[in-house]
Amino acid sequence: MHMRFMGVVAAAALFAAGAAYAATEQFAAHLTGTGSGTGDVTGTLDTATKTFTYSATYSGLSGPATAAHFHLADTPGGNGPPVVPVASPASPISGTATLTDAQVADLEAGKWYFNVHTAANPGGEIRGMVMMKQP
């Protein structure tokens, strides 16, 4: 009985230690472009589950959004491939994605941008770098 109790205590201690290392990180981006469109993106990363929860709003585009994505930038302000697609690009946008270790590292390093595409601007009408908010 004593050994079973010690096992339960040890398991609880390990669980608590793991939870202590988990963190929630906050991210944000302000979206601008060549026209009058603007927007904002916010996101939260649970580092224990690698779950990224995000929301975005925008207005003033030349027409309806045809797509929206989180992209990996090769350099600040550069272009790169989509890494997290958005199911519906109509504002307001919200969603959740489970990230890989590499995606977490790139997001935390400020290598992601959010891009909203329109028919008039298929490469993207508004975009902004997604940066970690400091506590």
N, C-alpha and C. Protein backbone atom coordinates (compact mmCIF):
# COMPACT_ATOMS: atom_id res chain seq x y z
N MET A 1 0.83 -1.19 0.00
CA MET A 1 0.00 0.00 0.00
C MET A 1 0.87 1.26 0.00
N HIS A 2 1.92 1.24 0.80
CA HIS A 2 2.82 2.39 0.88
C HIS A 2 3.49 2.64 -0.47
N MET A 3 3.91 1.59 -1.17
CA MET A 3 4.57 1.73 -2.47
C MET A 3 3.60 2.31 -3.50
N ARG A 4 2.34 1.89 -3.46
CA ARG A 4 1.35 2.40 -4.39
C ARG A 4 1.14 3.89 -4.15
N PHE A 5 1.06 4.30 -2.89
CA PHE A 5 0.90 5.71 -2.54
C PHE A 5 2.09 6.52 -3.05
N MET A 6 3.30 6.00 -2.88
CA MET A 6 4.50 6.69 -3.34
C MET A 6 4.49 6.83 -4.86
N GLY A 7 3.99 5.82 -5.55
CA GLY A 7 3.89 5.88 -7.00
C GLY A 7 2.94 6.98 -7.45
N VAL A 8 1.81 7.08 -6.77
CA VAL A 8 0.84 8.13 -7.10
C VAL A 8 1.45 9.50 -6.84
N VAL A 9 2.14 9.66 -5.72
CA VAL A 9 2.78 10.93 -5.39
C VAL A 9 3.83 11.28 -6.44
N ALA A 10 4.64 10.31 -6.85
CA ALA A 10 5.67 10.56 -7.86
C ALA A 10 5.04 10.96 -9.19
N ALA A 11 3.99 10.30 -9.59
CA ALA A 11 3.31 10.63 -10.84
C ALA A 11 2.72 12.04 -10.79
N ALA A 12 2.13 12.39 -9.66
CA ALA A 12 1.57 13.74 -9.50
C ALA A 12 2.67 14.79 -9.57
N ALA A 13 3.82 14.52 -8.98
CA ALA A 13 4.94 15.46 -9.01
C ALA A 13 5.45 15.66 -10.43
N LEU A 14 5.55 14.58 -11.19
CA LEU A 14 5.99 14.69 -12.58
C LEU A 14 5.00 15.49 -13.42
N PHE A 15 3.71 15.25 -13.21
CA PHE A 15 2.69 15.99 -13.93
C PHE A 15 2.77 17.47 -13.60
N ALA A 16 2.92 17.80 -12.34
CA ALA A 16 3.02 19.20 -11.92
C ALA A 16 4.27 19.85 -12.48
N ALA A 17 5.37 19.12 -12.51
CA ALA A 17 6.61 19.68 -13.07
C ALA A 17 6.45 19.96 -14.55
N GLY A 18 5.80 19.06 -15.28
CA GLY A 18 5.57 19.30 -16.70
C GLY A 18 4.68 20.49 -16.93
N ALA A 19 3.65 20.63 -16.13
CA ALA A 19 2.75 21.77 -16.26
C ALA A 19 3.45 23.08 -15.95
N ALA A 20 4.42 23.04 -15.06
CA ALA A 20 5.14 24.25 -14.69
C ALA A 20 5.96 24.78 -15.86
N TYR A 21 6.39 23.90 -16.77
CA TYR A 21 7.18 24.33 -17.91
C TYR A 21 6.32 24.79 -19.08
N ALA A 22 5.04 24.50 -19.07
CA ALA A 22 4.15 24.94 -20.13
C ALA A 22 3.95 26.44 -20.02
N ALA A 23 3.83 27.09 -21.17
CA ALA A 23 3.63 28.53 -21.17
C ALA A 23 2.60 28.88 -22.23
N THR A 24 2.00 30.01 -22.07
CA THR A 24 1.11 30.56 -23.07
C THR A 24 1.78 31.82 -23.60
N GLU A 25 2.00 31.85 -24.90
CA GLU A 25 2.65 33.00 -25.53
C GLU A 25 1.63 33.74 -26.39
N GLN A 26 1.72 35.05 -26.38
CA GLN A 26 0.79 35.91 -27.11
C GLN A 26 1.49 36.50 -28.34
N PHE A 27 0.75 36.61 -29.44
CA PHE A 27 1.29 37.14 -30.69
C PHE A 27 0.32 38.15 -31.28
N ALA A 28 0.85 39.06 -32.10
CA ALA A 28 -0.01 40.06 -32.74
C ALA A 28 0.63 40.55 -34.04
N ALA A 29 -0.22 41.02 -34.94
CA ALA A 29 0.23 41.65 -36.18
C ALA A 29 -0.77 42.72 -36.58
N HIS A 30 -0.25 43.81 -37.11
CA HIS A 30 -1.11 44.84 -37.69
C HIS A 30 -0.97 44.71 -39.20
N LEU A 31 -2.09 44.64 -39.90
CA LEU A 31 -2.10 44.40 -41.34
C LEU A 31 -2.28 45.71 -42.11
N THR A 32 -1.41 45.94 -43.07
CA THR A 32 -1.51 47.10 -43.95
C THR A 32 -1.15 46.67 -45.36
N GLY A 33 -1.40 47.55 -46.31
CA GLY A 33 -1.06 47.26 -47.69
C GLY A 33 -0.96 48.53 -48.49
N THR A 34 -1.08 48.39 -49.80
CA THR A 34 -0.94 49.55 -50.66
C THR A 34 -2.22 50.37 -50.75
N GLY A 35 -3.36 49.78 -50.47
CA GLY A 35 -4.63 50.49 -50.52
C GLY A 35 -5.05 50.99 -49.15
N SER A 36 -6.35 51.08 -48.94
CA SER A 36 -6.87 51.59 -47.67
C SER A 36 -7.21 50.48 -46.68
N GLY A 37 -6.97 49.23 -47.05
CA GLY A 37 -7.28 48.13 -46.16
C GLY A 37 -6.36 48.06 -44.95
N THR A 38 -6.92 47.70 -43.81
CA THR A 38 -6.15 47.50 -42.58
C THR A 38 -6.77 46.34 -41.81
N GLY A 39 -6.02 45.84 -40.85
CA GLY A 39 -6.55 44.77 -40.03
C GLY A 39 -5.61 44.45 -38.88
N ASP A 40 -6.04 43.53 -38.05
CA ASP A 40 -5.25 43.10 -36.91
C ASP A 40 -5.43 41.60 -36.71
N VAL A 41 -4.36 40.96 -36.27
CA VAL A 41 -4.35 39.54 -35.96
C VAL A 41 -3.82 39.37 -34.55
N THR A 42 -4.45 38.50 -33.78
CA THR A 42 -3.93 38.12 -32.47
C THR A 42 -3.88 36.60 -32.42
N GLY A 43 -2.95 36.08 -31.63
CA GLY A 43 -2.82 34.64 -31.50
C GLY A 43 -2.26 34.26 -30.16
N THR A 44 -2.56 33.05 -29.76
CA THR A 44 -2.06 32.49 -28.50
C THR A 44 -1.50 31.11 -28.79
N LEU A 45 -0.29 30.86 -28.31
CA LEU A 45 0.34 29.55 -28.46
C LEU A 45 0.45 28.89 -27.11
N ASP A 46 -0.12 27.70 -26.99
CA ASP A 46 0.07 26.87 -25.80
C ASP A 46 1.29 26.01 -26.10
N THR A 47 2.40 26.29 -25.42
CA THR A 47 3.65 25.60 -25.73
C THR A 47 3.64 24.13 -25.33
N ALA A 48 2.76 23.74 -24.42
CA ALA A 48 2.69 22.33 -24.02
C ALA A 48 2.02 21.48 -25.10
N THR A 49 0.93 21.99 -25.68
CA THR A 49 0.18 21.23 -26.69
C THR A 49 0.52 21.66 -28.11
N LYS A 50 1.27 22.77 -28.25
CA LYS A 50 1.62 23.36 -29.55
C LYS A 50 0.37 23.80 -30.31
N THR A 51 -0.67 24.16 -29.56
CA THR A 51 -1.92 24.63 -30.16
C THR A 51 -1.86 26.14 -30.32
N PHE A 52 -2.05 26.59 -31.56
CA PHE A 52 -2.05 28.01 -31.89
C PHE A 52 -3.49 28.40 -32.19
N THR A 53 -4.03 29.32 -31.40
CA THR A 53 -5.39 29.82 -31.56
C THR A 53 -5.29 31.26 -32.03
N TYR A 54 -6.01 31.62 -33.07
CA TYR A 54 -5.84 32.95 -33.66
C TYR A 54 -7.19 33.57 -34.03
N SER A 55 -7.16 34.88 -34.17
CA SER A 55 -8.31 35.61 -34.69
C SER A 55 -7.78 36.80 -35.50
N ALA A 56 -8.57 37.22 -36.48
CA ALA A 56 -8.18 38.34 -37.33
C ALA A 56 -9.43 39.10 -37.74
N THR A 57 -9.27 40.41 -37.86
CA THR A 57 -10.31 41.27 -38.40
C THR A 57 -9.65 42.22 -39.39
N TYR A 58 -10.40 42.61 -40.40
CA TYR A 58 -9.88 43.57 -41.37
C TYR A 58 -11.04 44.31 -42.01
N SER A 59 -10.72 45.40 -42.69
CA SER A 59 -11.73 46.17 -43.41
C SER A 59 -11.03 47.00 -44.49
N GLY A 60 -11.84 47.55 -45.39
CA GLY A 60 -11.33 48.47 -46.40
C GLY A 60 -10.63 47.82 -47.58
N LEU A 61 -10.86 46.54 -47.82
CA LEU A 61 -10.21 45.87 -48.96
C LEU A 61 -10.87 46.28 -50.27
N SER A 62 -10.19 46.03 -51.37
CA SER A 62 -10.71 46.36 -52.70
C SER A 62 -11.89 45.48 -53.11
N GLY A 63 -12.06 44.37 -52.41
CA GLY A 63 -13.15 43.44 -52.68
C GLY A 63 -13.10 42.32 -51.65
N PRO A 64 -13.95 41.32 -51.79
CA PRO A 64 -13.96 40.22 -50.83
C PRO A 64 -12.62 39.48 -50.80
N ALA A 65 -12.25 39.02 -49.63
CA ALA A 65 -11.04 38.22 -49.50
C ALA A 65 -11.26 36.88 -50.19
N THR A 66 -10.25 36.46 -50.96
CA THR A 66 -10.32 35.17 -51.65
C THR A 66 -9.54 34.10 -50.89
N ALA A 67 -8.61 34.50 -50.03
CA ALA A 67 -7.82 33.57 -49.23
C ALA A 67 -7.10 34.36 -48.14
N ALA A 68 -6.68 33.64 -47.12
CA ALA A 68 -5.86 34.22 -46.06
C ALA A 68 -5.01 33.10 -45.49
N HIS A 69 -3.78 33.43 -45.14
CA HIS A 69 -2.85 32.42 -44.64
C HIS A 69 -1.84 33.05 -43.69
N PHE A 70 -1.29 32.20 -42.83
CA PHE A 70 -0.04 32.53 -42.15
C PHE A 70 1.06 31.99 -43.06
N HIS A 71 2.03 32.83 -43.37
CA HIS A 71 3.14 32.46 -44.25
C HIS A 71 4.45 32.48 -43.48
N LEU A 72 5.43 31.73 -43.97
CA LEU A 72 6.79 31.77 -43.46
C LEU A 72 7.57 32.75 -44.31
N ALA A 73 8.16 33.75 -43.68
CA ALA A 73 8.96 34.75 -44.40
C ALA A 73 10.41 34.31 -44.45
N ASP A 74 11.02 34.41 -45.64
CA ASP A 74 12.43 34.08 -45.75
C ASP A 74 13.29 35.15 -45.09
N THR A 75 12.83 36.38 -45.11
CA THR A 75 13.48 37.51 -44.43
C THR A 75 12.37 38.44 -43.94
N PRO A 76 12.64 39.32 -42.98
CA PRO A 76 11.60 40.27 -42.55
C PRO A 76 11.10 41.07 -43.76
N GLY A 77 9.81 41.04 -43.97
CA GLY A 77 9.21 41.72 -45.11
C GLY A 77 9.26 40.91 -46.39
N GLY A 78 9.93 39.75 -46.35
CA GLY A 78 10.04 38.90 -47.53
C GLY A 78 8.80 38.05 -47.72
N ASN A 79 8.84 37.24 -48.75
CA ASN A 79 7.72 36.36 -49.07
C ASN A 79 8.11 34.92 -48.83
N GLY A 80 7.10 34.10 -48.56
CA GLY A 80 7.35 32.69 -48.35
C GLY A 80 6.07 31.89 -48.47
N PRO A 81 6.18 30.59 -48.31
CA PRO A 81 5.03 29.71 -48.49
C PRO A 81 4.04 29.79 -47.33
N PRO A 82 2.76 29.48 -47.61
CA PRO A 82 1.80 29.37 -46.51
C PRO A 82 2.18 28.23 -45.58
N VAL A 83 2.02 28.47 -44.26
CA VAL A 83 2.29 27.41 -43.28
C VAL A 83 1.03 27.03 -42.51
N VAL A 84 0.09 27.95 -42.38
CA VAL A 84 -1.19 27.65 -41.74
C VAL A 84 -2.28 28.33 -42.57
N PRO A 85 -3.08 27.53 -43.29
CA PRO A 85 -4.18 28.11 -44.06
C PRO A 85 -5.35 28.48 -43.15
N VAL A 86 -6.17 29.38 -43.63
CA VAL A 86 -7.38 29.79 -42.91
C VAL A 86 -8.57 29.22 -43.67
N ALA A 87 -9.47 28.58 -42.97
CA ALA A 87 -10.60 27.90 -43.61
C ALA A 87 -11.50 28.86 -44.36
N SER A 88 -11.87 29.96 -43.74
CA SER A 88 -12.74 30.95 -44.37
C SER A 88 -12.10 32.32 -44.21
N PRO A 89 -11.80 33.02 -45.31
CA PRO A 89 -11.09 34.29 -45.20
C PRO A 89 -11.96 35.50 -44.88
N ALA A 90 -13.28 35.31 -44.73
CA ALA A 90 -14.16 36.45 -44.44
C ALA A 90 -13.94 36.95 -43.01
N SER A 91 -13.85 38.26 -42.86
CA SER A 91 -13.66 38.87 -41.54
C SER A 91 -14.97 38.85 -40.77
N PRO A 92 -14.96 38.50 -39.49
CA PRO A 92 -13.82 38.13 -38.65
C PRO A 92 -13.41 36.67 -38.86
N ILE A 93 -12.12 36.41 -38.70
CA ILE A 93 -11.54 35.08 -38.87
C ILE A 93 -11.16 34.55 -37.50
N SER A 94 -11.36 33.26 -37.28
CA SER A 94 -10.84 32.62 -36.07
C SER A 94 -10.54 31.17 -36.40
N GLY A 95 -9.56 30.61 -35.68
CA GLY A 95 -9.21 29.23 -35.93
C GLY A 95 -8.17 28.73 -34.96
N THR A 96 -7.87 27.46 -35.12
CA THR A 96 -6.90 26.78 -34.27
C THR A 96 -6.09 25.83 -35.14
N ALA A 97 -4.80 25.74 -34.86
CA ALA A 97 -3.92 24.81 -35.57
C ALA A 97 -2.94 24.20 -34.59
N THR A 98 -2.63 22.93 -34.80
CA THR A 98 -1.59 22.27 -34.02
C THR A 98 -0.30 22.37 -34.83
N LEU A 99 0.71 22.99 -34.24
CA LEU A 99 1.95 23.27 -34.95
C LEU A 99 3.00 22.19 -34.74
N THR A 100 3.92 22.10 -35.69
CA THR A 100 5.08 21.24 -35.55
C THR A 100 6.14 21.98 -34.72
N ASP A 101 7.16 21.26 -34.30
CA ASP A 101 8.26 21.92 -33.56
C ASP A 101 8.91 23.01 -34.41
N ALA A 102 9.10 22.75 -35.70
CA ALA A 102 9.71 23.74 -36.59
C ALA A 102 8.82 24.97 -36.73
N GLN A 103 7.50 24.77 -36.84
CA GLN A 103 6.58 25.91 -36.94
C GLN A 103 6.59 26.73 -35.66
N VAL A 104 6.64 26.08 -34.51
CA VAL A 104 6.72 26.81 -33.24
C VAL A 104 7.98 27.66 -33.22
N ALA A 105 9.11 27.08 -33.60
CA ALA A 105 10.38 27.82 -33.59
C ALA A 105 10.33 29.02 -34.52
N ASP A 106 9.75 28.85 -35.72
CA ASP A 106 9.65 29.96 -36.66
C ASP A 106 8.70 31.04 -36.17
N LEU A 107 7.57 30.65 -35.60
CA LEU A 107 6.62 31.62 -35.05
C LEU A 107 7.27 32.42 -33.93
N GLU A 108 7.93 31.74 -33.00
CA GLU A 108 8.58 32.43 -31.88
C GLU A 108 9.72 33.33 -32.34
N ALA A 109 10.35 32.99 -33.47
CA ALA A 109 11.46 33.79 -34.00
C ALA A 109 10.98 34.98 -34.84
N GLY A 110 9.65 35.14 -34.98
CA GLY A 110 9.12 36.27 -35.75
C GLY A 110 9.22 36.10 -37.26
N LYS A 111 9.20 34.85 -37.73
CA LYS A 111 9.34 34.57 -39.16
C LYS A 111 8.01 34.36 -39.88
N TRP A 112 6.90 34.57 -39.20
CA TRP A 112 5.59 34.40 -39.83
C TRP A 112 4.98 35.76 -40.17
N TYR A 113 4.22 35.79 -41.25
CA TYR A 113 3.36 36.94 -41.53
C TYR A 113 1.98 36.43 -41.92
N PHE A 114 0.99 37.30 -41.73
CA PHE A 114 -0.39 36.98 -42.10
C PHE A 114 -0.72 37.79 -43.34
N ASN A 115 -1.35 37.14 -44.32
CA ASN A 115 -1.60 37.76 -45.61
C ASN A 115 -3.06 37.51 -46.01
N VAL A 116 -3.75 38.57 -46.43
CA VAL A 116 -5.12 38.46 -46.93
C VAL A 116 -5.10 38.78 -48.42
N HIS A 117 -5.61 37.85 -49.23
CA HIS A 117 -5.60 37.96 -50.69
C HIS A 117 -6.98 38.38 -51.20
N THR A 118 -6.99 39.13 -52.30
CA THR A 118 -8.24 39.50 -52.98
C THR A 118 -8.07 39.22 -54.47
N ALA A 119 -9.17 39.30 -55.23
CA ALA A 119 -9.09 39.10 -56.68
C ALA A 119 -8.20 40.17 -57.32
N ALA A 120 -8.31 41.40 -56.85
CA ALA A 120 -7.50 42.49 -57.40
C ALA A 120 -6.03 42.38 -56.99
N ASN A 121 -5.78 41.72 -55.88
CA ASN A 121 -4.41 41.56 -55.37
C ASN A 121 -4.18 40.10 -54.97
N PRO A 122 -4.01 39.22 -55.98
CA PRO A 122 -3.91 37.80 -55.68
C PRO A 122 -2.66 37.42 -54.87
N GLY A 123 -1.64 38.25 -54.88
CA GLY A 123 -0.45 38.00 -54.08
C GLY A 123 -0.61 38.44 -52.63
N GLY A 124 -1.68 39.16 -52.37
CA GLY A 124 -1.95 39.65 -51.02
C GLY A 124 -2.21 41.14 -51.04
N GLU A 125 -3.32 41.54 -50.41
CA GLU A 125 -3.66 42.97 -50.37
C GLU A 125 -3.20 43.62 -49.07
N ILE A 126 -3.33 42.92 -47.96
CA ILE A 126 -2.81 43.42 -46.69
C ILE A 126 -2.06 42.30 -45.99
N ARG A 127 -1.04 42.69 -45.24
CA ARG A 127 -0.23 41.71 -44.54
C ARG A 127 0.46 42.37 -43.36
N GLY A 128 0.93 41.54 -42.45
CA GLY A 128 1.68 42.04 -41.29
C GLY A 128 2.49 40.93 -40.66
N MET A 129 3.66 41.29 -40.14
CA MET A 129 4.53 40.33 -39.46
C MET A 129 3.91 39.97 -38.12
N VAL A 130 3.89 38.70 -37.80
CA VAL A 130 3.34 38.20 -36.53
C VAL A 130 4.47 38.16 -35.53
N MET A 131 4.36 38.98 -34.50
CA MET A 131 5.42 39.10 -33.51
C MET A 131 4.92 38.72 -32.12
N MET A 132 5.82 38.14 -31.33
CA MET A 132 5.49 37.77 -29.95
C MET A 132 5.36 39.04 -29.13
N LYS A 133 4.27 39.11 -28.35
CA LYS A 133 4.07 40.25 -27.47
C LYS A 133 4.87 40.00 -26.19
N GLN A 134 5.55 41.01 -25.75
CA GLN A 134 6.36 40.90 -24.54
C GLN A 134 5.47 41.02 -23.30
N PRO A 135 5.72 40.19 -22.29
CA PRO A 135 4.88 40.23 -21.07
C PRO A 135 5.02 41.54 -20.33
